[in-house]
N, C-alpha and C. Protein backbone atom coordinates (compact mmCIF):
# COMPACT_ATOMS: atom_id res chain seq x y z
N MET A 1 7.21 -19.74 -0.26
CA MET A 1 8.49 -19.41 1.06
C MET A 1 9.40 -17.47 1.16
N PHE A 2 9.45 -17.01 1.75
CA PHE A 2 9.64 -15.98 1.85
C PHE A 2 11.51 -16.23 1.74
N LYS A 3 11.90 -15.52 1.03
CA LYS A 3 13.86 -15.50 0.90
C LYS A 3 14.11 -14.11 1.30
N PRO A 4 15.24 -14.39 2.34
CA PRO A 4 15.74 -12.59 2.56
C PRO A 4 15.64 -11.41 2.42
N ARG A 5 15.78 -11.44 0.98
CA ARG A 5 15.61 -10.16 0.01
C ARG A 5 14.25 -9.81 0.65
N GLU A 6 13.57 -10.89 0.34
CA GLU A 6 11.55 -10.32 0.69
C GLU A 6 11.45 -9.81 2.04
N TYR A 7 12.26 -11.03 2.89
CA TYR A 7 11.59 -10.02 4.23
C TYR A 7 11.97 -9.05 4.97
N LEU A 8 13.28 -8.57 3.96
CA LEU A 8 14.14 -7.35 4.00
C LEU A 8 13.19 -6.19 3.67
N SER A 9 13.08 -6.81 2.24
CA SER A 9 12.06 -4.98 1.86
C SER A 9 10.20 -4.92 2.79
N GLU A 10 9.79 -5.91 2.98
CA GLU A 10 8.98 -6.18 3.99
C GLU A 10 8.50 -5.39 4.67
N ILE A 11 9.79 -5.45 5.49
CA ILE A 11 10.29 -4.68 7.02
C ILE A 11 10.60 -3.50 7.15
N GLU A 12 11.78 -3.10 5.06
CA GLU A 12 12.39 -1.58 5.21
C GLU A 12 10.45 -0.72 5.08
N LYS A 13 9.27 -1.22 3.79
CA LYS A 13 8.50 -0.80 3.76
C LYS A 13 7.58 -0.61 5.01
N THR A 14 7.48 -1.19 5.79
CA THR A 14 6.63 -1.36 7.12
C THR A 14 7.33 -0.10 7.39
N ASP A 15 8.27 0.03 8.03
CA ASP A 15 8.97 1.10 8.84
C ASP A 15 8.86 2.22 8.22
N LYS A 16 9.21 2.68 6.81
CA LYS A 16 9.27 3.80 6.22
C LYS A 16 7.65 4.41 6.47
N LEU A 17 6.94 3.42 6.17
CA LEU A 17 4.72 3.33 6.22
C LEU A 17 5.09 4.39 7.99
N LEU A 18 5.27 3.21 9.28
CA LEU A 18 5.46 3.92 10.12
C LEU A 18 6.00 5.59 10.46
N GLN A 19 7.53 5.52 10.12
CA GLN A 19 7.57 6.92 10.00
C GLN A 19 7.17 7.67 9.59
N LYS A 20 6.31 7.45 8.50
CA LYS A 20 5.24 8.75 7.51
C LYS A 20 4.32 8.81 8.80
N PHE A 21 4.08 7.62 9.92
CA PHE A 21 2.55 8.29 10.59
C PHE A 21 3.47 8.70 11.85
N GLY A 22 4.64 8.95 11.70
CA GLY A 22 5.19 9.75 13.22
C GLY A 22 6.05 8.91 13.62
N VAL A 23 5.84 7.50 13.68
CA VAL A 23 6.71 6.55 14.54
C VAL A 23 8.51 7.05 14.53
N LYS A 24 8.95 6.99 15.62
CA LYS A 24 10.71 7.15 15.54
C LYS A 24 11.18 5.78 15.34
N GLN A 25 12.24 5.41 14.23
CA GLN A 25 12.52 4.64 13.67
C GLN A 25 12.97 3.61 15.08
N ASP A 26 13.75 4.44 15.99
CA ASP A 26 14.17 3.86 16.98
C ASP A 26 13.32 2.86 17.85
N SER A 27 12.06 3.13 17.72
CA SER A 27 11.19 2.84 18.38
C SER A 27 10.23 1.73 17.79
N ILE A 28 10.55 1.32 16.77
CA ILE A 28 10.04 0.17 15.59
C ILE A 28 10.87 -0.98 16.38
N SER A 29 9.84 -2.20 16.63
CA SER A 29 9.87 -3.50 17.06
C SER A 29 9.46 -4.02 16.03
N PHE A 30 9.77 -5.18 16.41
CA PHE A 30 9.22 -6.22 15.52
C PHE A 30 8.33 -7.55 15.80
N ARG A 31 7.14 -8.00 15.65
CA ARG A 31 6.70 -8.90 15.80
C ARG A 31 5.99 -10.08 14.65
N GLN A 32 6.78 -11.09 14.61
CA GLN A 32 6.50 -12.16 13.57
C GLN A 32 5.08 -12.34 13.29
N PRO A 33 4.50 -12.49 11.96
CA PRO A 33 3.06 -13.06 11.56
C PRO A 33 3.04 -14.56 12.45
N TRP A 34 2.14 -14.55 13.05
CA TRP A 34 1.46 -16.08 13.35
C TRP A 34 2.48 -16.66 14.53
N GLY A 35 3.59 -15.80 14.89
CA GLY A 35 4.54 -15.94 16.68
C GLY A 35 5.49 -17.41 15.66
N ARG A 36 5.41 -16.73 14.13
CA ARG A 36 6.77 -18.46 14.06
C ARG A 36 7.98 -17.70 14.35
N ARG A 37 9.15 -18.79 14.19
CA ARG A 37 10.10 -17.86 14.19
C ARG A 37 10.88 -18.58 13.28
N PHE A 38 11.06 -17.72 12.45
CA PHE A 38 12.55 -18.21 11.43
C PHE A 38 13.78 -17.96 11.53
N VAL A 39 14.83 -18.76 11.46
CA VAL A 39 16.10 -18.36 11.74
C VAL A 39 16.43 -17.37 10.65
N VAL A 40 16.47 -17.49 9.71
CA VAL A 40 16.84 -16.28 8.40
C VAL A 40 16.22 -15.02 9.30
N LEU A 41 14.92 -15.02 9.67
CA LEU A 41 14.39 -13.26 9.75
C LEU A 41 15.15 -13.11 11.53
N SER A 42 15.27 -13.74 11.86
CA SER A 42 15.58 -13.52 13.54
C SER A 42 16.74 -13.44 13.15
N TYR A 43 17.60 -13.69 12.32
CA TYR A 43 18.94 -12.94 12.08
C TYR A 43 19.25 -11.83 11.40
N LEU A 44 18.69 -11.61 10.10
CA LEU A 44 18.14 -10.58 9.66
C LEU A 44 17.85 -9.30 10.29
N LEU A 45 16.83 -9.74 11.50
CA LEU A 45 16.06 -8.47 12.55
C LEU A 45 18.05 -8.19 13.64
N SER A 46 18.59 -9.31 13.80
CA SER A 46 19.62 -8.81 15.00
C SER A 46 20.46 -7.67 13.35
N GLN A 47 20.61 -8.28 12.13
CA GLN A 47 21.71 -7.29 11.87
C GLN A 47 20.83 -6.16 11.45
N MET A 48 19.45 -5.79 11.60
CA MET A 48 18.79 -4.45 11.40
C MET A 48 18.82 -3.91 12.90
N HIS A 49 19.07 -4.39 13.92
CA HIS A 49 19.16 -4.06 14.92
C HIS A 49 17.75 -3.29 15.28
N LYS A 50 17.01 -4.58 15.39
CA LYS A 50 15.39 -4.52 15.83
C LYS A 50 15.38 -5.45 16.60
N LYS A 51 14.12 -5.28 17.88
CA LYS A 51 14.18 -5.97 19.11
C LYS A 51 13.03 -6.98 18.20
N LEU A 52 13.41 -8.08 18.57
CA LEU A 52 11.98 -9.23 18.35
C LEU A 52 10.99 -9.44 19.50
N ILE A 53 9.77 -9.16 18.78
CA ILE A 53 8.63 -9.05 20.55
C ILE A 53 7.82 -9.96 20.63
N MET A 54 7.50 -10.60 21.40
CA MET A 54 6.69 -12.37 21.30
C MET A 54 6.13 -11.43 22.11
N TRP A 55 4.78 -12.30 22.57
CA TRP A 55 3.68 -12.89 23.23
C TRP A 55 3.59 -13.57 24.19
N ASP A 56 3.48 -13.75 24.86
CA ASP A 56 2.82 -14.93 25.75
C ASP A 56 1.00 -15.10 26.15
N VAL A 57 0.17 -14.47 25.68
CA VAL A 57 -1.15 -14.84 25.89
C VAL A 57 -1.76 -14.76 24.76
N ASP A 58 -2.18 -15.47 24.25
CA ASP A 58 -2.64 -15.06 23.05
C ASP A 58 -4.66 -15.28 22.89
N SER A 59 -4.41 -14.03 22.52
CA SER A 59 -6.73 -14.17 22.74
C SER A 59 -7.00 -15.04 22.36
N GLN A 60 -7.08 -15.40 21.02
CA GLN A 60 -7.90 -16.00 20.11
C GLN A 60 -8.51 -15.37 19.78
N ASP A 61 -8.64 -14.00 19.60
CA ASP A 61 -9.79 -13.35 19.13
C ASP A 61 -10.27 -12.93 17.44
N TYR A 62 -9.64 -13.72 17.31
CA TYR A 62 -9.59 -14.54 15.57
C TYR A 62 -10.67 -15.75 15.36
N GLU A 63 -10.85 -16.15 16.48
CA GLU A 63 -11.79 -17.28 16.33
C GLU A 63 -13.04 -17.09 16.57
N LYS A 64 -14.09 -17.29 15.29
CA LYS A 64 -15.49 -16.73 15.05
C LYS A 64 -16.35 -17.17 16.54
N THR A 65 -15.89 -18.12 17.07
CA THR A 65 -17.43 -18.66 17.34
C THR A 65 -16.82 -18.54 19.20
N LEU A 66 -15.74 -17.16 19.29
CA LEU A 66 -16.03 -16.91 20.72
C LEU A 66 -16.74 -15.40 21.18
N THR A 67 -17.42 -15.62 21.91
CA THR A 67 -17.81 -14.25 22.68
C THR A 67 -16.61 -13.10 23.16
N ALA A 68 -16.98 -12.33 23.30
CA ALA A 68 -16.09 -11.05 24.23
C ALA A 68 -15.46 -11.77 25.34
N GLU A 69 -17.07 -12.11 26.01
CA GLU A 69 -16.29 -12.69 27.05
C GLU A 69 -15.60 -13.86 27.10
N ASP A 70 -15.69 -14.66 26.18
CA ASP A 70 -14.33 -15.50 26.25
C ASP A 70 -13.03 -15.21 25.94
N ILE A 71 -12.77 -14.47 24.92
CA ILE A 71 -11.97 -13.70 24.64
C ILE A 71 -11.54 -13.02 26.33
N ALA A 72 -12.30 -12.30 26.70
CA ALA A 72 -12.09 -11.81 28.47
C ALA A 72 -10.83 -12.55 28.57
N ASN A 73 -12.03 -13.69 29.29
CA ASN A 73 -11.89 -14.31 30.08
C ASN A 73 -9.60 -15.49 29.81
N ARG A 74 -10.14 -15.50 28.37
CA ARG A 74 -9.02 -16.66 28.26
C ARG A 74 -7.42 -15.25 28.44
N VAL A 75 -7.49 -14.07 28.07
CA VAL A 75 -6.71 -13.03 28.58
C VAL A 75 -6.42 -12.87 29.87
N ILE A 76 -7.86 -12.73 30.95
CA ILE A 76 -7.86 -12.24 32.15
C ILE A 76 -7.22 -13.66 33.07
N ASP A 77 -7.55 -15.34 32.54
CA ASP A 77 -7.04 -16.01 33.18
C ASP A 77 -5.62 -16.55 33.16
N ASN A 78 -4.93 -16.24 31.65
CA ASN A 78 -3.74 -16.73 31.46
C ASN A 78 -2.17 -14.93 31.40
N VAL A 79 -2.65 -13.71 31.99
CA VAL A 79 -1.98 -13.07 31.80
C VAL A 79 -1.26 -13.08 33.28
N ARG A 80 0.31 -12.74 33.73
CA ARG A 80 0.52 -12.75 34.72
C ARG A 80 1.46 -11.17 34.50
N SER A 81 1.96 -10.79 35.56
CA SER A 81 2.63 -9.68 35.30
C SER A 81 3.93 -9.63 33.88
N GLY A 82 3.97 -8.42 33.13
CA GLY A 82 5.02 -8.58 32.14
C GLY A 82 4.36 -9.28 30.80
N SER A 83 3.16 -9.86 30.62
CA SER A 83 2.69 -10.66 29.77
C SER A 83 2.85 -9.64 28.97
N ILE A 84 2.28 -9.77 27.56
CA ILE A 84 2.37 -9.20 26.32
C ILE A 84 1.08 -10.24 25.93
N VAL A 85 -0.09 -9.32 25.40
CA VAL A 85 -1.13 -10.02 24.92
C VAL A 85 -1.43 -9.48 23.68
N VAL A 86 -1.52 -10.87 22.38
CA VAL A 86 -1.67 -10.90 21.38
C VAL A 86 -3.52 -10.42 20.99
N MET A 87 -3.69 -9.42 20.10
CA MET A 87 -4.44 -9.00 19.84
C MET A 87 -5.27 -8.68 18.71
N HIS A 88 -5.97 -8.60 17.70
CA HIS A 88 -5.89 -7.92 16.22
C HIS A 88 -6.81 -6.75 16.23
N ASP A 89 -6.65 -6.41 15.18
CA ASP A 89 -6.98 -5.11 15.10
C ASP A 89 -8.14 -5.50 13.50
N GLY A 90 -7.54 -6.07 12.89
CA GLY A 90 -7.80 -6.34 11.19
C GLY A 90 -8.62 -7.16 11.48
N GLY A 91 -9.20 -7.65 9.67
CA GLY A 91 -9.11 -8.74 8.99
C GLY A 91 -11.11 -8.96 9.48
N GLY A 92 -11.70 -8.32 8.94
CA GLY A 92 -12.75 -7.97 9.77
C GLY A 92 -13.53 -7.25 10.93
N ASP A 93 -14.91 -7.91 10.98
CA ASP A 93 -15.50 -7.31 12.07
C ASP A 93 -14.62 -7.68 13.53
N ARG A 94 -14.28 -6.68 14.41
CA ARG A 94 -13.77 -6.59 15.33
C ARG A 94 -14.67 -6.26 16.49
N SER A 95 -15.25 -6.01 16.53
CA SER A 95 -16.58 -5.45 17.67
C SER A 95 -16.63 -6.45 18.90
N LYS A 96 -16.01 -7.77 18.90
CA LYS A 96 -16.17 -8.14 19.65
C LYS A 96 -14.34 -8.37 20.49
N THR A 97 -13.80 -8.21 20.11
CA THR A 97 -12.25 -7.41 20.46
C THR A 97 -12.75 -6.61 21.19
N VAL A 98 -12.94 -5.25 20.56
CA VAL A 98 -13.13 -4.04 21.33
C VAL A 98 -13.74 -4.12 22.62
N ALA A 99 -14.97 -4.93 22.42
CA ALA A 99 -15.32 -5.09 24.12
C ALA A 99 -15.04 -6.13 24.69
N ALA A 100 -14.22 -7.25 24.01
CA ALA A 100 -12.84 -7.59 25.23
C ALA A 100 -12.61 -7.02 25.37
N THR A 101 -11.69 -6.40 24.62
CA THR A 101 -10.43 -5.03 25.32
C THR A 101 -11.21 -4.14 26.78
N GLU A 102 -12.53 -4.32 26.70
CA GLU A 102 -12.97 -3.11 27.50
C GLU A 102 -13.42 -4.19 29.03
N ILE A 103 -13.47 -5.21 28.84
CA ILE A 103 -13.70 -6.05 29.73
C ILE A 103 -12.32 -6.57 30.51
N ILE A 104 -11.46 -6.74 29.55
CA ILE A 104 -9.92 -6.67 29.89
C ILE A 104 -9.38 -5.97 31.02
N VAL A 105 -9.65 -4.67 30.42
CA VAL A 105 -8.88 -3.72 31.14
C VAL A 105 -9.51 -3.47 32.25
N LYS A 106 -10.77 -3.50 32.52
CA LYS A 106 -11.34 -2.89 33.52
C LYS A 106 -11.22 -3.62 34.79
N THR A 107 -11.20 -5.22 34.29
CA THR A 107 -10.77 -6.53 35.37
C THR A 107 -9.09 -6.69 36.05
N LEU A 108 -8.64 -6.18 35.03
CA LEU A 108 -7.43 -6.11 35.39
C LEU A 108 -6.31 -5.05 35.88
N GLN A 109 -7.46 -3.73 35.75
CA GLN A 109 -6.99 -2.95 36.33
C GLN A 109 -8.01 -2.56 37.71
N SER A 110 -8.81 -3.44 38.39
CA SER A 110 -9.57 -4.03 39.43
C SER A 110 -8.19 -4.60 40.22
N LYS A 111 -7.23 -5.57 39.33
CA LYS A 111 -6.81 -6.13 40.26
C LYS A 111 -5.20 -5.39 40.61
N GLY A 112 -5.31 -4.33 40.20
CA GLY A 112 -4.06 -3.87 40.27
C GLY A 112 -3.01 -4.13 39.25
N TYR A 113 -3.24 -4.31 37.76
CA TYR A 113 -2.32 -4.13 36.99
C TYR A 113 -2.18 -2.31 36.41
N ALA A 114 -1.08 -2.66 35.94
CA ALA A 114 -1.01 -1.12 34.54
C ALA A 114 -0.87 -1.73 33.33
N PHE A 115 -1.22 -0.87 31.89
CA PHE A 115 -0.85 -1.22 31.21
C PHE A 115 0.29 -0.37 30.71
N LYS A 116 1.44 -0.98 29.99
CA LYS A 116 2.52 -0.18 29.60
C LYS A 116 2.70 -0.50 28.20
N THR A 117 3.52 0.04 27.44
CA THR A 117 3.64 0.07 25.63
C THR A 117 4.52 -1.00 26.27
N VAL A 118 4.81 -1.57 24.83
CA VAL A 118 6.07 -2.28 24.76
C VAL A 118 7.42 -1.69 24.93
N SER A 119 7.70 -0.50 24.21
CA SER A 119 8.81 0.52 24.47
C SER A 119 8.51 0.84 26.20
N GLU A 120 8.00 0.50 26.71
CA GLU A 120 7.97 1.29 28.47
C GLU A 120 8.52 -0.45 29.29
N LEU A 121 8.02 -0.89 28.17
CA LEU A 121 8.25 -2.60 29.06
C LEU A 121 9.78 -2.73 28.53
N LEU A 122 10.62 -2.45 27.38
CA LEU A 122 11.91 -2.67 27.21
C LEU A 122 13.13 -1.46 28.19
N LYS A 123 12.27 -0.97 28.47
CA LYS A 123 13.36 0.09 29.46
C LYS A 123 13.82 -0.28 30.64
């Protein structure tokens, strides 16, 4: 179990790494791993003046049995205006995620959806 000091250290290390790649500190938000809400972490984030960002559509692209079409359909069937979709870019072969993303973007654009960054949504 993480202690507050460990949470703080991990967040600060990640922020420094992102800044090294040119991300401005004031645009760094936070998404909790696995979507779990921890009271201690929520408190620390508020003390750090960080926004906690959650998603409302889980693509489940981590499920090995799903095809690209399955992933895409799950997202398309559950998305609504303002949705934030969680997808994963690490942890092994992500070719199905990439293929699903192409399907998702084309389909949702054809339905009139536009894509925004989290920073744009927060404005």
